[in-house]
Amino acid sequence: MEPEKEVQANTLTKRDLVNQISEDLGFTQSDVAKTIEKALDIITTKLGEGKRWEIRNFGVFEVKKRAPRKGRNPKTNVVVEVPHRYVVTFKAGKELKKLLADLSNNLKSESPE
């Protein structure tokens, strides 16, 4: 499988999430989609205000300030000043870390040596 197609096959979309929640809980896809959309709007707004968002056992989204730095234009090789900027970071929670460790262990045991 080509790398790009492999990534797409392993990607969960908002539509996939809506379908799964709708099937699992018996709500209409329309209601689930509206709820997810509103939740994402609130989260985006709060992160845009510099707030922190924490989901126990899943992880924490935080806004951090990146320091200004010197960059280089790869075409012209000219040094440019890159000003500070704000970025969203994610730190995995305890349960997610455990699941990822299990995934890593499974991949190690499957790979031929």
N, C-alpha and C. Protein backbone atom coordinates (compact mmCIF):
# COMPACT_ATOMS: atom_id res chain seq x y z
N MET A 1 0.84 -1.18 0.00
CA MET A 1 0.00 0.00 0.00
C MET A 1 0.89 1.25 0.00
N GLU A 2 0.53 2.24 -0.81
CA GLU A 2 1.29 3.48 -0.87
C GLU A 2 1.15 4.22 0.45
N PRO A 3 2.22 4.94 0.89
CA PRO A 3 2.17 5.64 2.17
C PRO A 3 0.98 6.58 2.31
N GLU A 4 0.65 7.35 1.25
CA GLU A 4 -0.46 8.30 1.34
C GLU A 4 -1.79 7.57 1.56
N LYS A 5 -2.00 6.47 0.84
CA LYS A 5 -3.23 5.71 0.99
C LYS A 5 -3.28 5.04 2.36
N GLU A 6 -2.13 4.63 2.88
CA GLU A 6 -2.08 4.00 4.20
C GLU A 6 -2.50 5.01 5.27
N VAL A 7 -2.04 6.25 5.15
CA VAL A 7 -2.42 7.30 6.10
C VAL A 7 -3.92 7.55 6.01
N GLN A 8 -4.45 7.64 4.79
CA GLN A 8 -5.88 7.87 4.61
C GLN A 8 -6.69 6.73 5.21
N ALA A 9 -6.23 5.50 5.07
CA ALA A 9 -6.95 4.36 5.60
C ALA A 9 -6.96 4.37 7.12
N ASN A 10 -5.95 4.99 7.73
CA ASN A 10 -5.85 5.05 9.19
C ASN A 10 -6.39 6.36 9.75
N THR A 11 -7.07 7.15 8.95
CA THR A 11 -7.56 8.45 9.39
C THR A 11 -9.03 8.35 9.79
N LEU A 12 -9.33 8.86 10.97
CA LEU A 12 -10.71 8.95 11.45
C LEU A 12 -11.20 10.35 11.14
N THR A 13 -12.28 10.46 10.40
CA THR A 13 -12.83 11.77 10.05
C THR A 13 -13.98 12.11 11.00
N LYS A 14 -14.40 13.36 10.92
CA LYS A 14 -15.54 13.79 11.72
C LYS A 14 -16.78 12.97 11.34
N ARG A 15 -16.92 12.69 10.06
CA ARG A 15 -18.05 11.88 9.58
C ARG A 15 -18.00 10.48 10.21
N ASP A 16 -16.82 9.88 10.28
CA ASP A 16 -16.67 8.56 10.91
C ASP A 16 -17.08 8.61 12.37
N LEU A 17 -16.67 9.67 13.06
CA LEU A 17 -17.01 9.84 14.47
C LEU A 17 -18.52 9.98 14.64
N VAL A 18 -19.14 10.78 13.80
CA VAL A 18 -20.60 10.96 13.85
C VAL A 18 -21.29 9.62 13.64
N ASN A 19 -20.86 8.87 12.64
CA ASN A 19 -21.48 7.58 12.36
C ASN A 19 -21.33 6.62 13.54
N GLN A 20 -20.14 6.55 14.13
CA GLN A 20 -19.89 5.63 15.23
C GLN A 20 -20.74 5.98 16.46
N ILE A 21 -20.78 7.26 16.82
CA ILE A 21 -21.58 7.68 17.97
C ILE A 21 -23.05 7.43 17.71
N SER A 22 -23.51 7.74 16.51
CA SER A 22 -24.90 7.52 16.15
C SER A 22 -25.28 6.05 16.28
N GLU A 23 -24.43 5.17 15.78
CA GLU A 23 -24.68 3.71 15.88
C GLU A 23 -24.65 3.24 17.32
N ASP A 24 -23.65 3.69 18.08
CA ASP A 24 -23.47 3.21 19.46
C ASP A 24 -24.55 3.70 20.40
N LEU A 25 -24.99 4.95 20.23
CA LEU A 25 -25.93 5.53 21.19
C LEU A 25 -27.36 5.66 20.67
N GLY A 26 -27.56 5.46 19.38
CA GLY A 26 -28.90 5.50 18.83
C GLY A 26 -29.44 6.90 18.57
N PHE A 27 -28.58 7.91 18.58
CA PHE A 27 -29.00 9.27 18.25
C PHE A 27 -28.96 9.44 16.73
N THR A 28 -29.69 10.44 16.23
CA THR A 28 -29.65 10.69 14.80
C THR A 28 -28.29 11.25 14.42
N GLN A 29 -27.87 10.99 13.21
CA GLN A 29 -26.59 11.52 12.74
C GLN A 29 -26.61 13.04 12.74
N SER A 30 -27.75 13.62 12.45
CA SER A 30 -27.88 15.08 12.43
C SER A 30 -27.62 15.66 13.82
N ASP A 31 -28.24 15.07 14.85
CA ASP A 31 -28.05 15.57 16.22
C ASP A 31 -26.61 15.39 16.68
N VAL A 32 -26.03 14.26 16.36
CA VAL A 32 -24.64 13.99 16.75
C VAL A 32 -23.71 14.97 16.04
N ALA A 33 -23.93 15.20 14.75
CA ALA A 33 -23.09 16.12 13.98
C ALA A 33 -23.17 17.54 14.54
N LYS A 34 -24.38 17.99 14.89
CA LYS A 34 -24.54 19.33 15.47
C LYS A 34 -23.81 19.43 16.80
N THR A 35 -23.91 18.39 17.62
CA THR A 35 -23.26 18.39 18.93
C THR A 35 -21.74 18.44 18.79
N ILE A 36 -21.20 17.61 17.92
CA ILE A 36 -19.75 17.59 17.70
C ILE A 36 -19.28 18.93 17.15
N GLU A 37 -20.01 19.47 16.20
CA GLU A 37 -19.65 20.75 15.59
C GLU A 37 -19.64 21.87 16.64
N LYS A 38 -20.65 21.90 17.51
CA LYS A 38 -20.72 22.92 18.55
C LYS A 38 -19.57 22.75 19.54
N ALA A 39 -19.29 21.50 19.92
CA ALA A 39 -18.18 21.24 20.85
C ALA A 39 -16.87 21.72 20.25
N LEU A 40 -16.63 21.43 18.99
CA LEU A 40 -15.39 21.86 18.33
C LEU A 40 -15.32 23.38 18.21
N ASP A 41 -16.47 24.02 17.97
CA ASP A 41 -16.51 25.49 17.92
C ASP A 41 -16.10 26.09 19.26
N ILE A 42 -16.64 25.54 20.35
CA ILE A 42 -16.33 26.04 21.69
C ILE A 42 -14.85 25.83 22.00
N ILE A 43 -14.36 24.63 21.72
CA ILE A 43 -12.95 24.31 21.98
C ILE A 43 -12.04 25.24 21.19
N THR A 44 -12.34 25.44 19.92
CA THR A 44 -11.53 26.31 19.07
C THR A 44 -11.53 27.73 19.59
N THR A 45 -12.70 28.23 19.98
CA THR A 45 -12.81 29.58 20.51
C THR A 45 -11.98 29.73 21.78
N LYS A 46 -12.10 28.78 22.70
CA LYS A 46 -11.39 28.86 23.98
C LYS A 46 -9.87 28.75 23.78
N LEU A 47 -9.43 27.87 22.88
CA LEU A 47 -8.00 27.78 22.59
C LEU A 47 -7.52 29.09 21.97
N GLY A 48 -8.36 29.69 21.12
CA GLY A 48 -8.03 30.98 20.51
C GLY A 48 -7.91 32.10 21.53
N GLU A 49 -8.54 31.91 22.69
CA GLU A 49 -8.44 32.88 23.78
C GLU A 49 -7.26 32.56 24.70
N GLY A 50 -6.52 31.50 24.37
CA GLY A 50 -5.36 31.14 25.18
C GLY A 50 -5.68 30.20 26.33
N LYS A 51 -6.89 29.66 26.36
CA LYS A 51 -7.29 28.76 27.44
C LYS A 51 -6.73 27.35 27.19
N ARG A 52 -6.69 26.57 28.25
CA ARG A 52 -6.21 25.18 28.23
C ARG A 52 -7.44 24.28 28.21
N TRP A 53 -7.36 23.15 27.49
CA TRP A 53 -8.49 22.22 27.43
C TRP A 53 -8.00 20.84 27.82
N GLU A 54 -8.60 20.30 28.86
CA GLU A 54 -8.16 19.01 29.39
C GLU A 54 -9.29 18.00 29.35
N ILE A 55 -8.97 16.81 28.86
CA ILE A 55 -9.90 15.68 28.90
C ILE A 55 -9.19 14.59 29.69
N ARG A 56 -9.68 14.31 30.89
CA ARG A 56 -9.03 13.33 31.77
C ARG A 56 -8.77 12.02 31.04
N ASN A 57 -7.60 11.48 31.23
CA ASN A 57 -7.13 10.22 30.66
C ASN A 57 -6.89 10.26 29.15
N PHE A 58 -7.36 11.31 28.48
CA PHE A 58 -7.10 11.43 27.04
C PHE A 58 -5.91 12.35 26.80
N GLY A 59 -6.00 13.59 27.30
CA GLY A 59 -4.88 14.50 27.12
C GLY A 59 -5.25 15.95 27.35
N VAL A 60 -4.27 16.81 27.13
CA VAL A 60 -4.43 18.25 27.36
C VAL A 60 -3.98 19.01 26.11
N PHE A 61 -4.82 19.94 25.68
CA PHE A 61 -4.47 20.87 24.62
C PHE A 61 -4.13 22.19 25.29
N GLU A 62 -2.98 22.77 24.95
CA GLU A 62 -2.56 24.04 25.53
C GLU A 62 -2.06 24.97 24.44
N VAL A 63 -2.19 26.26 24.71
CA VAL A 63 -1.64 27.26 23.81
C VAL A 63 -0.30 27.69 24.41
N LYS A 64 0.75 27.61 23.59
CA LYS A 64 2.08 28.01 24.05
C LYS A 64 2.64 29.05 23.08
N LYS A 65 3.50 29.91 23.65
CA LYS A 65 4.14 30.94 22.84
C LYS A 65 5.49 30.44 22.37
N ARG A 66 5.70 30.47 21.07
CA ARG A 66 7.00 30.12 20.50
C ARG A 66 7.84 31.38 20.42
N ALA A 67 9.08 31.27 20.83
CA ALA A 67 9.99 32.42 20.84
C ALA A 67 10.33 32.85 19.41
N PRO A 68 10.66 34.13 19.24
CA PRO A 68 11.12 34.56 17.92
C PRO A 68 12.44 33.87 17.58
N ARG A 69 12.71 33.72 16.29
CA ARG A 69 13.94 33.03 15.89
C ARG A 69 14.37 33.55 14.53
N LYS A 70 15.57 33.14 14.15
CA LYS A 70 16.06 33.45 12.82
C LYS A 70 15.76 32.26 11.92
N GLY A 71 15.20 32.54 10.76
CA GLY A 71 14.92 31.50 9.79
C GLY A 71 15.69 31.79 8.51
N ARG A 72 15.60 30.88 7.58
CA ARG A 72 16.32 31.07 6.32
C ARG A 72 15.38 30.72 5.17
N ASN A 73 15.30 31.61 4.20
CA ASN A 73 14.52 31.36 3.00
C ASN A 73 15.28 30.32 2.18
N PRO A 74 14.70 29.12 1.97
CA PRO A 74 15.44 28.07 1.27
C PRO A 74 15.75 28.39 -0.20
N LYS A 75 14.95 29.25 -0.83
CA LYS A 75 15.20 29.59 -2.23
C LYS A 75 16.35 30.58 -2.38
N THR A 76 16.35 31.59 -1.50
CA THR A 76 17.35 32.66 -1.65
C THR A 76 18.48 32.56 -0.63
N ASN A 77 18.31 31.72 0.37
CA ASN A 77 19.30 31.54 1.44
C ASN A 77 19.46 32.80 2.30
N VAL A 78 18.48 33.71 2.23
CA VAL A 78 18.52 34.94 3.00
C VAL A 78 17.96 34.67 4.40
N VAL A 79 18.67 35.17 5.42
CA VAL A 79 18.22 35.02 6.81
C VAL A 79 17.09 36.01 7.07
N VAL A 80 16.00 35.52 7.68
CA VAL A 80 14.86 36.37 8.01
C VAL A 80 14.50 36.19 9.48
N GLU A 81 13.96 37.23 10.06
CA GLU A 81 13.49 37.17 11.44
C GLU A 81 12.08 36.57 11.44
N VAL A 82 11.88 35.53 12.22
CA VAL A 82 10.57 34.93 12.37
C VAL A 82 10.04 35.39 13.73
N PRO A 83 8.95 36.14 13.76
CA PRO A 83 8.46 36.67 15.04
C PRO A 83 7.87 35.56 15.92
N HIS A 84 7.63 35.89 17.19
CA HIS A 84 7.01 34.90 18.08
C HIS A 84 5.62 34.57 17.54
N ARG A 85 5.12 33.42 17.92
CA ARG A 85 3.77 33.05 17.53
C ARG A 85 3.22 32.06 18.55
N TYR A 86 1.94 31.90 18.52
CA TYR A 86 1.27 30.98 19.43
C TYR A 86 0.91 29.71 18.69
N VAL A 87 1.10 28.56 19.35
CA VAL A 87 0.79 27.27 18.76
C VAL A 87 0.00 26.44 19.77
N VAL A 88 -0.77 25.50 19.28
CA VAL A 88 -1.50 24.58 20.14
C VAL A 88 -0.65 23.32 20.27
N THR A 89 -0.45 22.87 21.51
CA THR A 89 0.29 21.64 21.75
C THR A 89 -0.65 20.62 22.38
N PHE A 90 -0.30 19.36 22.27
CA PHE A 90 -1.09 18.29 22.86
C PHE A 90 -0.17 17.39 23.65
N LYS A 91 -0.59 17.07 24.86
CA LYS A 91 0.14 16.12 25.69
C LYS A 91 -0.82 15.00 26.04
N ALA A 92 -0.45 13.78 25.67
CA ALA A 92 -1.32 12.62 25.89
C ALA A 92 -1.51 12.35 27.37
N GLY A 93 -2.72 11.92 27.73
CA GLY A 93 -3.04 11.54 29.10
C GLY A 93 -2.66 10.09 29.38
N LYS A 94 -2.90 9.68 30.62
CA LYS A 94 -2.47 8.37 31.10
C LYS A 94 -3.04 7.21 30.27
N GLU A 95 -4.35 7.20 30.03
CA GLU A 95 -4.97 6.10 29.28
C GLU A 95 -4.48 6.05 27.83
N LEU A 96 -4.36 7.21 27.20
CA LEU A 96 -3.90 7.25 25.82
C LEU A 96 -2.45 6.79 25.74
N LYS A 97 -1.61 7.21 26.69
CA LYS A 97 -0.22 6.76 26.70
C LYS A 97 -0.14 5.24 26.82
N LYS A 98 -1.00 4.66 27.66
CA LYS A 98 -1.00 3.21 27.84
C LYS A 98 -1.40 2.51 26.54
N LEU A 99 -2.44 3.01 25.88
CA LEU A 99 -2.87 2.43 24.61
C LEU A 99 -1.78 2.52 23.55
N LEU A 100 -1.07 3.65 23.51
CA LEU A 100 0.01 3.81 22.54
C LEU A 100 1.19 2.89 22.85
N ALA A 101 1.47 2.71 24.14
CA ALA A 101 2.54 1.79 24.53
C ALA A 101 2.17 0.36 24.11
N ASP A 102 0.90 -0.02 24.32
CA ASP A 102 0.44 -1.34 23.91
C ASP A 102 0.55 -1.51 22.40
N LEU A 103 0.19 -0.46 21.65
CA LEU A 103 0.31 -0.50 20.19
C LEU A 103 1.76 -0.69 19.78
N SER A 104 2.66 0.04 20.43
CA SER A 104 4.09 -0.09 20.12
C SER A 104 4.58 -1.50 20.41
N ASN A 105 4.17 -2.05 21.53
CA ASN A 105 4.58 -3.41 21.89
C ASN A 105 4.05 -4.44 20.90
N ASN A 106 2.82 -4.25 20.43
CA ASN A 106 2.24 -5.16 19.44
C ASN A 106 2.98 -5.07 18.12
N LEU A 107 3.37 -3.86 17.72
CA LEU A 107 4.11 -3.69 16.47
C LEU A 107 5.49 -4.35 16.57
N LYS A 108 6.13 -4.22 17.73
CA LYS A 108 7.45 -4.84 17.92
C LYS A 108 7.35 -6.35 17.83
N SER A 109 6.29 -6.92 18.43
CA SER A 109 6.18 -8.37 18.42
C SER A 109 5.78 -8.92 17.05
N GLU A 110 5.16 -8.07 16.21
CA GLU A 110 4.76 -8.51 14.86
C GLU A 110 5.89 -8.41 13.85
N SER A 111 6.87 -7.53 14.10
CA SER A 111 7.91 -7.31 13.10
C SER A 111 8.92 -8.45 13.13
N PRO A 112 9.27 -8.97 11.93
CA PRO A 112 10.25 -10.05 11.86
C PRO A 112 11.65 -9.52 12.18
N GLU A 113 12.42 -10.31 12.85
CA GLU A 113 13.77 -9.87 13.25
C GLU A 113 14.83 -10.54 12.44
